[in-house]
Amino acid sequence: MREKKIIAVVGATGQQGGGLVRAIMNDNSGKFKARALTRDPNSDKAHALRELGAEVVQVDLQDESSVTRAFEGAHGAYCVTFYFAHMSPEREFADATILANAIRNARVEHAIWSTLEDTRKFVPLDDPRMPTIMGKYKVPHFDAKGEADELFRKSGVPVTYLLASFYWDNLLAPGRGPTPDANGDLVLNMLMSDRKLAGIAAEDIGKCALGIFKRGTELTGQRIGIASDHLTGNEIAEKISKALGKPVRYNPVPFDAFRKSGMPLAEEVANMFQFYVDFEEEVLRSRDIARSRELDPELQSFDEWLARNKSQFAGAASSR
């Protein structure tokens, strides 16, 4: 029997990495086995992955030698960084540097780098359309990842660059999905104007990543954007309304109003959605639905995702 190839997965207890580990362990072809890398191998999520049959390995992502050891012997590596754990684009770039060095030092045969656009290539820092943040960025968590692409190119390792989309799962967080207004009517507040948003279920990111690993060198050097749907705010509200059996009204929130809202990361979030809106054509074109379905034949449409998750919408089911 042919020995399975190891895929080392950074962030294995997170949404992207966890989805990939589960996709590997549930894959009937049995071509790969998962090495789940985590800071805390004793967490409940790590135990759940171990029960699926994954190898769970403790790793310090700020220690290059630790990451290199975790990658050694692996055919592939899934590399992702965690901006929202520290909110520092400089730390994001430093972590990406460690990952890029580690895949080279461990002689990994194929890596996937989970990246995003460097929005400064679309909106220069001196462009007044959106404010500059920290003096160096437009959308820090996008820009730092996009800037790090060059580190992976220079690694000498065959790399595929994976661009994810808005997670439909974000709509399940309190205040993110439909919320009751003063009259008790459900309102979906989003910063998408009348433009289309590329979205995907978080679990499908891992399945698409597995599809990339299965194709091997065929996709190395390519930028692969993934999405299950391109939907306007009105379309999203209408679909949620149908799923919940309750009217949901879409409210397009102006970017500047949100920037002044006092919400955490308000400027960065507003800039991100303004990037989606102002460069709708480029963002959607780079995230091809048909290609995503080729990588993940089980790709969930927004309607299918809603059917599985409608009971989780915070507040919506009990309002009115």
C-alpha atoms as a PDB file:
ATOM      1  CA  MET A   1       0.000   0.000   0.000  1.00  0.00           C
ATOM      2  CA  ARG A   2       1.407   3.399  -0.984  1.00  0.00           C
ATOM      3  CA  GLU A   3       2.388   5.556   1.986  1.00  0.00           C
ATOM      4  CA  LYS A   4       0.269   8.655   2.440  1.00  0.00           C
ATOM      5  CA  LYS A   5       1.918  12.031   1.997  1.00  0.00           C
ATOM      6  CA  ILE A   6       1.917  14.372   4.967  1.00  0.00           C
ATOM      7  CA  ILE A   7       0.328  17.811   4.753  1.00  0.00           C
ATOM      8  CA  ALA A   8       1.444  20.036   7.649  1.00  0.00           C
ATOM      9  CA  VAL A   9      -1.340  22.481   8.494  1.00  0.00           C
ATOM     10  CA  VAL A  10      -0.628  25.738  10.309  1.00  0.00           C
ATOM     11  CA  GLY A  11      -3.510  27.017  12.417  1.00  0.00           C
ATOM     12  CA  ALA A  12      -5.092  23.580  12.560  1.00  0.00           C
ATOM     13  CA  THR A  13      -7.546  24.576  15.285  1.00  0.00           C
ATOM     14  CA  GLY A  14      -8.688  27.677  13.369  1.00  0.00           C
ATOM     15  CA  GLN A  15     -11.283  27.988  10.641  1.00  0.00           C
ATOM     16  CA  GLN A  16      -9.057  27.621   7.581  1.00  0.00           C
ATOM     17  CA  GLY A  17      -6.597  25.096   8.996  1.00  0.00           C
ATOM     18  CA  GLY A  18      -9.236  23.087  10.816  1.00  0.00           C
ATOM     19  CA  GLY A  19     -11.273  22.838   7.639  1.00  0.00           C
ATOM     20  CA  LEU A  20      -8.255  21.496   5.752  1.00  0.00           C
ATOM     21  CA  VAL A  21      -7.400  18.917   8.424  1.00  0.00           C
ATOM     22  CA  ARG A  22     -10.984  17.643   8.421  1.00  0.00           C
ATOM     23  CA  ALA A  23     -11.056  17.612   4.611  1.00  0.00           C
ATOM     24  CA  ILE A  24      -7.870  15.523   4.504  1.00  0.00           C
ATOM     25  CA  MET A  25      -9.054  13.069   7.152  1.00  0.00           C
ATOM     26  CA  ASN A  26     -12.471  12.656   5.490  1.00  0.00           C
ATOM     27  CA  ASP A  27     -11.085  12.300   1.961  1.00  0.00           C
ATOM     28  CA  ASN A  28     -11.907   8.895   0.519  1.00  0.00           C
ATOM     29  CA  SER A  29      -8.931   8.927  -1.856  1.00  0.00           C
ATOM     30  CA  GLY A  30      -6.602   8.616   1.130  1.00  0.00           C
ATOM     31  CA  LYS A  31      -3.755  10.319  -0.713  1.00  0.00           C
ATOM     32  CA  PHE A  32      -2.721  12.490   2.228  1.00  0.00           C
ATOM     33  CA  LYS A  33      -2.615  12.482   5.990  1.00  0.00           C
ATOM     34  CA  ALA A  34      -2.761  15.580   8.161  1.00  0.00           C
ATOM     35  CA  ARG A  35      -0.183  16.907  10.576  1.00  0.00           C
ATOM     36  CA  ALA A  36      -2.079  19.449  12.640  1.00  0.00           C
ATOM     37  CA  LEU A  37       0.155  22.225  13.975  1.00  0.00           C
ATOM     38  CA  THR A  38      -1.099  24.052  17.039  1.00  0.00           C
ATOM     39  CA  ARG A  39       0.189  26.115  19.929  1.00  0.00           C
ATOM     40  CA  ASP A  40      -1.896  24.099  22.391  1.00  0.00           C
ATOM     41  CA  PRO A  41      -2.072  20.359  21.622  1.00  0.00           C
ATOM     42  CA  ASN A  42      -4.202  19.816  24.727  1.00  0.00           C
ATOM     43  CA  SER A  43      -7.093  22.052  23.643  1.00  0.00           C
ATOM     44  CA  ASP A  44     -10.517  20.582  22.948  1.00  0.00           C
ATOM     45  CA  LYS A  45     -10.160  21.396  19.256  1.00  0.00           C
ATOM     46  CA  ALA A  46      -6.784  19.648  19.104  1.00  0.00           C
ATOM     47  CA  HIS A  47      -8.254  16.577  20.811  1.00  0.00           C
ATOM     48  CA  ALA A  48     -11.073  16.534  18.254  1.00  0.00           C
ATOM     49  CA  LEU A  49      -8.564  16.524  15.382  1.00  0.00           C
ATOM     50  CA  ARG A  50      -6.574  13.759  17.077  1.00  0.00           C
ATOM     51  CA  GLU A  51      -9.745  11.695  17.338  1.00  0.00           C
ATOM     52  CA  LEU A  52     -10.185  12.026  13.570  1.00  0.00           C
ATOM     53  CA  GLY A  53      -6.761  10.434  13.174  1.00  0.00           C
ATOM     54  CA  ALA A  54      -4.651  13.534  12.571  1.00  0.00           C
ATOM     55  CA  GLU A  55      -1.140  13.800  13.944  1.00  0.00           C
ATOM     56  CA  VAL A  56      -1.157  16.757  16.368  1.00  0.00           C
ATOM     57  CA  VAL A  57       2.128  18.623  16.833  1.00  0.00           C
ATOM     58  CA  GLN A  58       2.906  21.517  19.139  1.00  0.00           C
ATOM     59  CA  VAL A  59       4.585  24.446  17.406  1.00  0.00           C
ATOM     60  CA  ASP A  60       5.717  27.948  18.293  1.00  0.00           C
ATOM     61  CA  LEU A  61       4.998  30.045  15.223  1.00  0.00           C
ATOM     62  CA  GLN A  62       7.368  32.775  16.427  1.00  0.00           C
ATOM     63  CA  ASP A  63      10.266  30.283  16.515  1.00  0.00           C
ATOM     64  CA  GLU A  64      11.616  29.463  13.056  1.00  0.00           C
ATOM     65  CA  SER A  65      13.380  26.282  14.238  1.00  0.00           C
ATOM     66  CA  SER A  66      10.123  25.041  15.797  1.00  0.00           C
ATOM     67  CA  VAL A  67       8.220  25.608  12.564  1.00  0.00           C
ATOM     68  CA  THR A  68      10.962  24.022  10.468  1.00  0.00           C
ATOM     69  CA  ARG A  69      10.915  20.883  12.646  1.00  0.00           C
ATOM     70  CA  ALA A  70       7.127  20.724  12.314  1.00  0.00           C
ATOM     71  CA  PHE A  71       7.411  20.897   8.511  1.00  0.00           C
ATOM     72  CA  GLU A  72      10.201  18.295   8.188  1.00  0.00           C
ATOM     73  CA  GLY A  73       9.133  15.165   6.340  1.00  0.00           C
ATOM     74  CA  ALA A  74       5.970  16.807   5.036  1.00  0.00           C
ATOM     75  CA  HIS A  75       5.107  16.775   1.366  1.00  0.00           C
ATOM     76  CA  GLY A  76       2.987  19.906   1.688  1.00  0.00           C
ATOM     77  CA  ALA A  77       2.426  22.801   4.055  1.00  0.00           C
ATOM     78  CA  TYR A  78      -0.562  25.070   4.495  1.00  0.00           C
ATOM     79  CA  CYS A  79       0.661  28.466   5.658  1.00  0.00           C
ATOM     80  CA  VAL A  80      -1.636  31.045   7.221  1.00  0.00           C
ATOM     81  CA  THR A  81      -1.061  33.943   9.622  1.00  0.00           C
ATOM     82  CA  PHE A  82      -3.314  35.324  12.353  1.00  0.00           C
ATOM     83  CA  TYR A  83      -3.597  39.098  12.134  1.00  0.00           C
ATOM     84  CA  PHE A  84      -6.643  39.402  14.381  1.00  0.00           C
ATOM     85  CA  ALA A  85      -4.805  37.679  17.229  1.00  0.00           C
ATOM     86  CA  HIS A  86      -2.384  40.609  17.514  1.00  0.00           C
ATOM     87  CA  MET A  87      -3.575  43.391  15.136  1.00  0.00           C
ATOM     88  CA  SER A  88      -0.035  44.122  13.973  1.00  0.00           C
ATOM     89  CA  PRO A  89       0.844  44.120  10.240  1.00  0.00           C
ATOM     90  CA  GLU A  90       4.532  44.096  11.182  1.00  0.00           C
ATOM     91  CA  ARG A  91       3.992  40.942  13.248  1.00  0.00           C
ATOM     92  CA  GLU A  92       1.994  39.497  10.347  1.00  0.00           C
ATOM     93  CA  PHE A  93       4.914  40.040   7.983  1.00  0.00           C
ATOM     94  CA  ALA A  94       7.390  38.648  10.527  1.00  0.00           C
ATOM     95  CA  ASP A  95       5.294  35.497  10.968  1.00  0.00           C
ATOM     96  CA  ALA A  96       5.071  35.082   7.189  1.00  0.00           C
ATOM     97  CA  THR A  97       8.864  35.419   7.007  1.00  0.00           C
ATOM     98  CA  ILE A  98       9.257  32.532   9.459  1.00  0.00           C
ATOM     99  CA  LEU A  99       6.825  30.384   7.465  1.00  0.00           C
ATOM    100  CA  ALA A 100       8.548  31.115   4.146  1.00  0.00           C
ATOM    101  CA  ASN A 101      11.962  30.329   5.625  1.00  0.00           C
ATOM    102  CA  ALA A 102      10.659  27.144   7.242  1.00  0.00           C
ATOM    103  CA  ILE A 103       9.184  25.664   4.051  1.00  0.00           C
ATOM    104  CA  ARG A 104      12.541  26.262   2.374  1.00  0.00           C
ATOM    105  CA  ASN A 105      14.593  24.840   5.250  1.00  0.00           C
ATOM    106  CA  ALA A 106      12.355  21.768   5.552  1.00  0.00           C
ATOM    107  CA  ARG A 107      12.397  21.248   1.763  1.00  0.00           C
ATOM    108  CA  VAL A 108       8.628  21.072   1.491  1.00  0.00           C
ATOM    109  CA  GLU A 109       7.546  19.995  -2.006  1.00  0.00           C
ATOM    110  CA  HIS A 110       4.390  22.124  -2.267  1.00  0.00           C
ATOM    111  CA  ALA A 111       3.099  24.947  -0.075  1.00  0.00           C
ATOM    112  CA  ILE A 112      -0.106  26.949  -0.064  1.00  0.00           C
ATOM    113  CA  TRP A 113       0.166  30.514   1.215  1.00  0.00           C
ATOM    114  CA  SER A 114      -3.177  31.932   2.342  1.00  0.00           C
ATOM    115  CA  THR A 115      -2.874  35.498   1.138  1.00  0.00           C
ATOM    116  CA  LEU A 116      -4.903  38.548   0.101  1.00  0.00           C
ATOM    117  CA  GLU A 117      -4.486  41.532  -2.189  1.00  0.00           C
ATOM    118  CA  ASP A 118      -2.056  44.294  -1.281  1.00  0.00           C
ATOM    119  CA  THR A 119      -4.642  47.053  -1.598  1.00  0.00           C
ATOM    120  CA  ARG A 120      -1.923  49.704  -1.960  1.00  0.00           C
ATOM    121  CA  LYS A 121      -1.430  48.474  -5.522  1.00  0.00           C
ATOM    122  CA  PHE A 122      -4.999  49.626  -6.186  1.00  0.00           C
ATOM    123  CA  VAL A 123      -5.158  52.635  -3.846  1.00  0.00           C
ATOM    124  CA  PRO A 124      -1.743  54.274  -3.286  1.00  0.00           C
ATOM    125  CA  LEU A 125      -1.040  55.699   0.143  1.00  0.00           C
ATOM    126  CA  ASP A 126      -1.465  59.263  -1.115  1.00  0.00           C
ATOM    127  CA  ASP A 127      -4.853  58.457  -2.684  1.00  0.00           C
ATOM    128  CA  PRO A 128      -7.516  60.346  -0.672  1.00  0.00           C
ATOM    129  CA  ARG A 129     -10.338  57.934  -1.522  1.00  0.00           C
ATOM    130  CA  MET A 130      -9.738  56.095   1.742  1.00  0.00           C
ATOM    131  CA  PRO A 131      -7.676  57.012   4.806  1.00  0.00           C
ATOM    132  CA  THR A 132      -4.180  55.667   5.313  1.00  0.00           C
ATOM    133  CA  ILE A 133      -3.817  53.570   8.468  1.00  0.00           C
ATOM    134  CA  MET A 134      -0.689  53.460  10.663  1.00  0.00           C
ATOM    135  CA  GLY A 135       1.008  55.660   8.081  1.00  0.00           C
ATOM    136  CA  LYS A 136       1.763  52.685   5.808  1.00  0.00           C
ATOM    137  CA  TYR A 137      -1.406  50.768   4.965  1.00  0.00           C
ATOM    138  CA  LYS A 138      -4.878  51.036   3.498  1.00  0.00           C
ATOM    139  CA  VAL A 139      -6.172  47.657   4.724  1.00  0.00           C
ATOM    140  CA  PRO A 140      -3.426  46.393   7.047  1.00  0.00           C
ATOM    141  CA  HIS A 141      -4.450  42.727   7.235  1.00  0.00           C
ATOM    142  CA  PHE A 142      -4.700  42.571   3.437  1.00  0.00           C
ATOM    143  CA  ASP A 143      -1.579  44.592   2.707  1.00  0.00           C
ATOM    144  CA  ALA A 144       0.765  42.705   5.025  1.00  0.00           C
ATOM    145  CA  LYS A 145      -0.279  39.364   3.540  1.00  0.00           C
ATOM    146  CA  GLY A 146       0.010  40.652  -0.021  1.00  0.00           C
ATOM    147  CA  GLU A 147       3.428  42.130   0.704  1.00  0.00           C
ATOM    148  CA  ALA A 148       4.567  38.756   2.067  1.00  0.00           C
ATOM    149  CA  ASP A 149       3.858  37.034  -1.273  1.00  0.00           C
ATOM    150  CA  GLU A 150       7.379  37.965  -2.347  1.00  0.00           C
ATOM    151  CA  LEU A 151       8.840  36.065   0.618  1.00  0.00           C
ATOM    152  CA  PHE A 152       7.219  32.863  -0.625  1.00  0.00           C
ATOM    153  CA  ARG A 153       8.289  33.517  -4.209  1.00  0.00           C
ATOM    154  CA  LYS A 154      11.879  33.849  -3.037  1.00  0.00           C
ATOM    155  CA  SER A 155      11.719  30.670  -0.946  1.00  0.00           C
ATOM    156  CA  GLY A 156      12.372  28.489  -3.977  1.00  0.00           C
ATOM    157  CA  VAL A 157       9.541  26.168  -2.927  1.00  0.00           C
ATOM    158  CA  PRO A 158       6.639  25.511  -5.323  1.00  0.00           C
ATOM    159  CA  VAL A 159       3.880  27.693  -3.847  1.00  0.00           C
ATOM    160  CA  THR A 160       0.214  28.235  -4.695  1.00  0.00           C
ATOM    161  CA  TYR A 161      -1.289  31.531  -3.529  1.00  0.00           C
ATOM    162  CA  LEU A 162      -4.814  31.085  -2.168  1.00  0.00           C
ATOM    163  CA  LEU A 163      -7.136  34.098  -1.878  1.00  0.00           C
ATOM    164  CA  ALA A 164     -10.147  33.483   0.325  1.00  0.00           C
ATOM    165  CA  SER A 165     -13.363  35.505   0.343  1.00  0.00           C
ATOM    166  CA  PHE A 166     -15.667  36.912   2.997  1.00  0.00           C
ATOM    167  CA  TYR A 167     -16.683  34.061   5.325  1.00  0.00           C
ATOM    168  CA  TRP A 168     -20.439  33.502   5.352  1.00  0.00           C
ATOM    169  CA  ASP A 169     -19.813  32.308   8.916  1.00  0.00           C
ATOM    170  CA  ASN A 170     -19.109  35.931   9.898  1.00  0.00           C
ATOM    171  CA  LEU A 171     -22.852  36.545   9.620  1.00  0.00           C
ATOM    172  CA  LEU A 172     -23.420  34.251  12.608  1.00  0.00           C
ATOM    173  CA  ALA A 173     -21.534  36.491  15.037  1.00  0.00           C
ATOM    174  CA  PRO A 174     -23.635  38.745  17.301  1.00  0.00           C
ATOM    175  CA  GLY A 175     -24.383  42.005  15.516  1.00  0.00           C
ATOM    176  CA  ARG A 176     -23.058  40.781  12.173  1.00  0.00           C
ATOM    177  CA  GLY A 177     -26.201  39.131  10.826  1.00  0.00           C
ATOM    178  CA  PRO A 178     -29.764  40.440  10.836  1.00  0.00           C
ATOM    179  CA  THR A 179     -30.548  42.463  13.964  1.00  0.00           C
ATOM    180  CA  PRO A 180     -33.845  43.936  15.141  1.00  0.00           C
ATOM    181  CA  ASP A 181     -34.314  47.684  14.743  1.00  0.00           C
ATOM    182  CA  ALA A 182     -36.338  49.887  17.115  1.00  0.00           C
ATOM    183  CA  ASN A 183     -39.553  48.451  15.645  1.00  0.00           C
ATOM    184  CA  GLY A 184     -38.396  44.854  15.973  1.00  0.00           C
ATOM    185  CA  ASP A 185     -37.914  44.480  12.203  1.00  0.00           C
ATOM    186  CA  LEU A 186     -34.830  42.541  11.096  1.00  0.00           C
ATOM    187  CA  VAL A 187     -32.163  44.600   9.363  1.00  0.00           C
ATOM    188  CA  LEU A 188     -28.932  43.439   7.723  1.00  0.00           C
ATOM    189  CA  ASN A 189     -26.375  46.221   8.018  1.00  0.00           C
ATOM    190  CA  MET A 190     -23.501  45.878   5.551  1.00  0.00           C
ATOM    191  CA  LEU A 191     -20.986  48.202   3.920  1.00  0.00           C
ATOM    192  CA  MET A 192     -21.469  46.896   0.383  1.00  0.00           C
ATOM    193  CA  SER A 193     -23.529  49.676  -1.229  1.00  0.00           C
ATOM    194  CA  ASP A 194     -25.249  48.037  -4.222  1.00  0.00           C
ATOM    195  CA  ARG A 195     -22.231  45.931  -5.215  1.00  0.00           C
ATOM    196  CA  LYS A 196     -21.617  42.195  -5.049  1.00  0.00           C
ATOM    197  CA  LEU A 197     -19.657  40.501  -2.280  1.00  0.00           C
ATOM    198  CA  ALA A 198     -17.623  37.343  -2.896  1.00  0.00           C
ATOM    199  CA  GLY A 199     -18.293  34.879  -0.091  1.00  0.00           C
ATOM    200  CA  ILE A 200     -17.614  31.303   0.962  1.00  0.00           C
ATOM    201  CA  ALA A 201     -18.299  28.986   3.898  1.00  0.00           C
ATOM    202  CA  ALA A 202     -15.176  28.777   6.072  1.00  0.00           C
ATOM    203  CA  GLU A 203     -15.231  24.975   5.924  1.00  0.00           C
ATOM    204  CA  ASP A 204     -14.997  25.088   2.126  1.00  0.00           C
ATOM    205  CA  ILE A 205     -11.695  26.965   2.233  1.00  0.00           C
ATOM    206  CA  GLY A 206     -10.028  23.834   3.578  1.00  0.00           C
ATOM    207  CA  LYS A 207     -11.724  21.669   0.978  1.00  0.00           C
ATOM    208  CA  CYS A 208     -10.531  23.953  -1.816  1.00  0.00           C
ATOM    209  CA  ALA A 209      -7.017  23.835  -0.357  1.00  0.00           C
ATOM    210  CA  LEU A 210      -7.128  20.041  -0.461  1.00  0.00           C
ATOM    211  CA  GLY A 211      -8.190  20.265  -4.104  1.00  0.00           C
ATOM    212  CA  ILE A 212      -5.091  22.366  -4.788  1.00  0.00           C
ATOM    213  CA  PHE A 213      -2.774  19.877  -3.056  1.00  0.00           C
ATOM    214  CA  LYS A 214      -4.318  17.061  -5.085  1.00  0.00           C
ATOM    215  CA  ARG A 215      -3.380  18.847  -8.304  1.00  0.00           C
ATOM    216  CA  GLY A 216       0.206  19.280  -7.151  1.00  0.00           C
ATOM    217  CA  THR A 217       2.591  21.117  -9.448  1.00  0.00           C
ATOM    218  CA  GLU A 218      -0.236  21.909 -11.866  1.00  0.00           C
ATOM    219  CA  LEU A 219      -1.215  24.906  -9.738  1.00  0.00           C
ATOM    220  CA  THR A 220       2.105  26.012  -8.274  1.00  0.00           C
ATOM    221  CA  GLY A 221       2.941  29.636  -8.914  1.00  0.00           C
ATOM    222  CA  GLN A 222      -0.729  30.461  -9.508  1.00  0.00           C
ATOM    223  CA  ARG A 223      -3.054  32.784  -7.584  1.00  0.00           C
ATOM    224  CA  ILE A 224      -6.302  30.946  -6.900  1.00  0.00           C
ATOM    225  CA  GLY A 225      -9.220  32.949  -5.544  1.00  0.00           C
ATOM    226  CA  ILE A 226     -12.172  31.006  -4.163  1.00  0.00           C
ATOM    227  CA  ALA A 227     -15.857  31.831  -3.606  1.00  0.00           C
ATOM    228  CA  SER A 228     -19.193  30.048  -3.659  1.00  0.00           C
ATOM    229  CA  ASP A 229     -21.327  33.077  -4.576  1.00  0.00           C
ATOM    230  CA  HIS A 230     -21.166  36.720  -5.651  1.00  0.00           C
ATOM    231  CA  LEU A 231     -24.141  38.426  -3.989  1.00  0.00           C
ATOM    232  CA  THR A 232     -25.372  41.958  -3.344  1.00  0.00           C
ATOM    233  CA  GLY A 233     -26.495  43.007   0.117  1.00  0.00           C
ATOM    234  CA  ASN A 234     -30.102  42.913  -1.080  1.00  0.00           C
ATOM    235  CA  GLU A 235     -29.660  39.378  -2.383  1.00  0.00           C
ATOM    236  CA  ILE A 236     -28.080  38.246   0.887  1.00  0.00           C
ATOM    237  CA  ALA A 237     -30.950  39.783   2.885  1.00  0.00           C
ATOM    238  CA  GLU A 238     -33.558  38.187   0.616  1.00  0.00           C
ATOM    239  CA  LYS A 239     -31.981  34.755   0.968  1.00  0.00           C
ATOM    240  CA  ILE A 240     -31.746  35.069   4.760  1.00  0.00           C
ATOM    241  CA  SER A 241     -35.364  36.233   4.837  1.00  0.00           C
ATOM    242  CA  LYS A 242     -36.455  33.167   2.896  1.00  0.00           C
ATOM    243  CA  ALA A 243     -34.423  30.850   5.144  1.00  0.00           C
ATOM    244  CA  LEU A 244     -35.740  32.370   8.390  1.00  0.00           C
ATOM    245  CA  GLY A 245     -39.281  32.867   7.169  1.00  0.00           C
ATOM    246  CA  LYS A 246     -39.125  36.504   8.318  1.00  0.00           C
ATOM    247  CA  PRO A 247     -38.633  39.759   6.406  1.00  0.00           C
ATOM    248  CA  VAL A 248     -35.043  41.024   6.440  1.00  0.00           C
ATOM    249  CA  ARG A 249     -34.230  44.489   5.106  1.00  0.00           C
ATOM    250  CA  TYR A 250     -30.802  45.382   3.760  1.00  0.00           C
ATOM    251  CA  ASN A 251     -29.320  48.640   5.051  1.00  0.00           C
ATOM    252  CA  PRO A 252     -26.237  49.816   3.113  1.00  0.00           C
ATOM    253  CA  VAL A 253     -24.011  51.496   5.718  1.00  0.00           C
ATOM    254  CA  PRO A 254     -21.869  54.385   4.376  1.00  0.00           C
ATOM    255  CA  PHE A 255     -18.132  53.892   4.791  1.00  0.00           C
ATOM    256  CA  ASP A 256     -17.509  57.231   6.498  1.00  0.00           C
ATOM    257  CA  ALA A 257     -20.361  56.693   8.935  1.00  0.00           C
ATOM    258  CA  PHE A 258     -18.872  53.362   9.985  1.00  0.00           C
ATOM    259  CA  ARG A 259     -15.393  54.888  10.315  1.00  0.00           C
ATOM    260  CA  LYS A 260     -16.850  57.308  12.859  1.00  0.00           C
ATOM    261  CA  SER A 261     -18.844  54.640  14.689  1.00  0.00           C
ATOM    262  CA  GLY A 262     -16.258  53.904  17.359  1.00  0.00           C
ATOM    263  CA  MET A 263     -16.453  50.198  16.590  1.00  0.00           C
ATOM    264  CA  PRO A 264     -13.232  48.176  16.952  1.00  0.00           C
ATOM    265  CA  LEU A 265     -11.104  48.381  13.799  1.00  0.00           C
ATOM    266  CA  ALA A 266     -13.710  50.677  12.246  1.00  0.00           C
ATOM    267  CA  GLU A 267     -11.302  52.335   9.798  1.00  0.00           C
ATOM    268  CA  GLU A 268      -9.776  49.066   8.673  1.00  0.00           C
ATOM    269  CA  VAL A 269     -13.125  47.327   8.227  1.00  0.00           C
ATOM    270  CA  ALA A 270     -14.546  50.304   6.316  1.00  0.00           C
ATOM    271  CA  ASN A 271     -11.482  50.410   4.069  1.00  0.00           C
ATOM    272  CA  MET A 272     -11.769  46.684   3.413  1.00  0.00           C
ATOM    273  CA  PHE A 273     -15.384  46.924   2.303  1.00  0.00           C
ATOM    274  CA  GLN A 274     -14.624  50.046   0.274  1.00  0.00           C
ATOM    275  CA  PHE A 275     -11.943  48.024  -1.505  1.00  0.00           C
ATOM    276  CA  TYR A 276     -14.544  45.333  -2.254  1.00  0.00           C
ATOM    277  CA  VAL A 277     -16.925  47.985  -3.610  1.00  0.00           C
ATOM    278  CA  ASP A 278     -14.526  50.241  -5.513  1.00  0.00           C
ATOM    279  CA  PHE A 279     -12.751  47.294  -7.132  1.00  0.00           C
ATOM    280  CA  GLU A 280     -15.721  44.956  -7.416  1.00  0.00           C
ATOM    281  CA  GLU A 281     -14.824  43.752 -10.907  1.00  0.00           C
ATOM    282  CA  GLU A 282     -11.243  42.852  -9.992  1.00  0.00           C
ATOM    283  CA  VAL A 283     -12.189  41.181  -6.699  1.00  0.00           C
ATOM    284  CA  LEU A 284     -14.947  39.059  -8.234  1.00  0.00           C
ATOM    285  CA  ARG A 285     -12.925  38.134 -11.302  1.00  0.00           C
ATOM    286  CA  SER A 286     -10.099  36.855  -9.101  1.00  0.00           C
ATOM    287  CA  ARG A 287     -12.501  34.640  -7.130  1.00  0.00           C
ATOM    288  CA  ASP A 288     -14.022  32.353  -9.730  1.00  0.00           C
ATOM    289  CA  ILE A 289     -16.972  30.264  -8.570  1.00  0.00           C
ATOM    290  CA  ALA A 290     -16.689  27.577 -11.268  1.00  0.00           C
ATOM    291  CA  ARG A 291     -12.991  27.060 -10.567  1.00  0.00           C
ATOM    292  CA  SER A 292     -13.709  26.878  -6.840  1.00  0.00           C
ATOM    293  CA  ARG A 293     -16.259  24.129  -7.482  1.00  0.00           C
ATOM    294  CA  GLU A 294     -13.693  22.200  -9.517  1.00  0.00           C
ATOM    295  CA  LEU A 295     -11.419  22.228  -6.469  1.00  0.00           C
ATOM    296  CA  ASP A 296     -14.271  21.441  -4.057  1.00  0.00           C
ATOM    297  CA  PRO A 297     -17.125  19.501  -5.688  1.00  0.00           C
ATOM    298  CA  GLU A 298     -19.029  19.796  -2.380  1.00  0.00           C
ATOM    299  CA  LEU A 299     -18.796  23.602  -2.411  1.00  0.00           C
ATOM    300  CA  GLN A 300     -21.796  24.995  -0.531  1.00  0.00           C
ATOM    301  CA  SER A 301     -23.853  27.724  -2.145  1.00  0.00           C
ATOM    302  CA  PHE A 302     -25.031  30.485   0.188  1.00  0.00           C
ATOM    303  CA  ASP A 303     -28.502  28.924   0.139  1.00  0.00           C
ATOM    304  CA  GLU A 304     -27.101  25.533   1.150  1.00  0.00           C
ATOM    305  CA  TRP A 305     -24.979  27.103   3.876  1.00  0.00           C
ATOM    306  CA  LEU A 306     -28.041  28.981   5.160  1.00  0.00           C
ATOM    307  CA  ALA A 307     -30.097  25.794   5.307  1.00  0.00           C
ATOM    308  CA  ARG A 308     -27.437  24.225   7.542  1.00  0.00           C
ATOM    309  CA  ASN A 309     -26.875  27.261   9.768  1.00  0.00           C
ATOM    310  CA  LYS A 310     -30.084  29.297   9.954  1.00  0.00           C
ATOM    311  CA  SER A 311     -30.762  28.240  13.556  1.00  0.00           C
ATOM    312  CA  GLN A 312     -27.499  29.891  14.647  1.00  0.00           C
ATOM    313  CA  PHE A 313     -28.375  33.444  13.621  1.00  0.00           C
ATOM    314  CA  ALA A 314     -28.007  35.380  16.880  1.00  0.00           C
ATOM    315  CA  GLY A 315     -31.270  37.072  17.848  1.00  0.00           C
ATOM    316  CA  ALA A 316     -32.974  36.568  14.500  1.00  0.00           C
ATOM    317  CA  ALA A 317     -34.890  33.428  15.347  1.00  0.00           C
ATOM    318  CA  SER A 318     -36.388  34.884  18.508  1.00  0.00           C
ATOM    319  CA  SER A 319     -37.135  38.443  17.316  1.00  0.00           C
ATOM    320  CA  ARG A 320     -40.580  39.679  16.401  1.00  0.00           C
END
